[in-house]
Amino acid sequence: HGKTVNLKLVGTQVMVDKALAEKLYDPLLHLVRNAFDHGIESDSDRQTQGKPIGEIEIRAYQQGNRTFVEVSDDG
């Protein structure tokens, strides 16, 4: 695809029930693929725009009794 991407994982210490983790797998995979396909420009486009290598970040954190998982890209 002509794209170089770093994957950054934040919050790897957050504990999630195994059953919930299995249910999150497909939606998270979809979000990461979408970020790669539509959010990250090709290496040549990023170079033209003066941007560094693309980055996709998966961030997990807890607020109260809720666990949040966010996927973002810098495209």
Protein backbone atom coordinates (compact mmCIF):
# COMPACT_ATOMS: atom_id res chain seq x y z
CA HIS A 1 0.00 0.00 0.00
CA GLY A 2 3.02 2.29 0.11
CA LYS A 3 2.40 3.25 3.73
CA THR A 4 4.74 2.98 6.69
CA VAL A 5 2.98 3.07 10.04
CA ASN A 6 4.03 2.86 13.67
CA LEU A 7 1.52 1.27 16.04
CA LYS A 8 1.49 2.87 19.49
CA LEU A 9 -0.19 1.04 22.36
CA VAL A 10 -1.09 3.08 25.45
CA GLY A 11 -2.70 1.60 28.54
CA THR A 12 -1.50 -1.94 28.10
CA GLN A 13 -1.77 -2.36 31.88
CA VAL A 14 -5.59 -1.99 31.76
CA MET A 15 -7.21 -5.33 32.60
CA VAL A 16 -10.17 -6.53 30.53
CA ASP A 17 -12.23 -9.69 31.02
CA LYS A 18 -11.27 -12.40 28.50
CA ALA A 19 -14.83 -12.71 27.16
CA LEU A 20 -15.01 -8.95 26.61
CA ALA A 21 -11.59 -8.89 24.96
CA GLU A 22 -12.77 -11.54 22.49
CA LYS A 23 -15.86 -9.46 21.67
CA LEU A 24 -13.69 -6.38 21.12
CA TYR A 25 -11.34 -8.10 18.68
CA ASP A 26 -13.39 -7.67 15.46
CA PRO A 27 -14.50 -4.05 16.13
CA LEU A 28 -10.93 -3.03 17.04
CA LEU A 29 -9.53 -4.74 13.97
CA HIS A 30 -12.07 -2.86 11.83
CA LEU A 31 -11.10 0.48 13.39
CA VAL A 32 -7.37 -0.13 12.91
CA ARG A 33 -7.89 -1.20 9.28
CA ASN A 34 -10.04 1.87 8.67
CA ALA A 35 -7.38 4.13 10.20
CA PHE A 36 -4.74 2.55 7.96
CA ASP A 37 -6.84 2.58 4.77
CA HIS A 38 -8.47 6.00 5.12
CA GLY A 39 -6.56 7.92 7.78
CA ILE A 40 -2.93 7.43 6.81
CA GLU A 41 -1.58 8.93 3.61
CA SER A 42 0.99 7.19 1.42
CA ASP A 43 4.65 7.71 2.31
CA SER A 44 5.12 9.96 -0.72
CA ASP A 45 2.11 12.14 0.19
CA ARG A 46 3.29 12.44 3.80
CA GLN A 47 6.79 13.40 2.64
CA THR A 48 5.36 16.08 0.33
CA GLN A 49 3.34 17.46 3.27
CA GLY A 50 6.37 17.37 5.59
CA LYS A 51 4.78 14.77 7.89
CA PRO A 52 6.74 12.03 9.66
CA ILE A 53 5.94 8.31 9.42
CA GLY A 54 2.25 7.62 10.05
CA GLU A 55 1.08 6.55 13.48
CA ILE A 56 -1.96 4.64 14.67
CA GLU A 57 -2.59 4.68 18.41
CA ILE A 58 -4.73 2.32 20.47
CA ARG A 59 -5.35 3.78 23.92
CA ALA A 60 -7.11 2.01 26.80
CA TYR A 61 -7.98 3.69 30.09
CA GLN A 62 -10.44 3.52 32.93
CA GLN A 63 -12.69 6.24 34.31
CA GLY A 64 -14.62 5.12 37.34
CA ASN A 65 -16.10 1.72 36.59
CA ARG A 66 -15.87 2.16 32.80
CA THR A 67 -13.11 1.08 30.45
CA PHE A 68 -12.51 3.11 27.30
CA VAL A 69 -10.64 2.05 24.18
CA GLU A 70 -9.81 4.68 21.55
CA VAL A 71 -8.22 4.25 18.13
CA SER A 72 -6.70 7.28 16.43
CA ASP A 73 -4.44 8.07 13.52
CA ASP A 74 -2.38 11.11 12.62
CA GLY A 75 -3.43 11.25 8.97
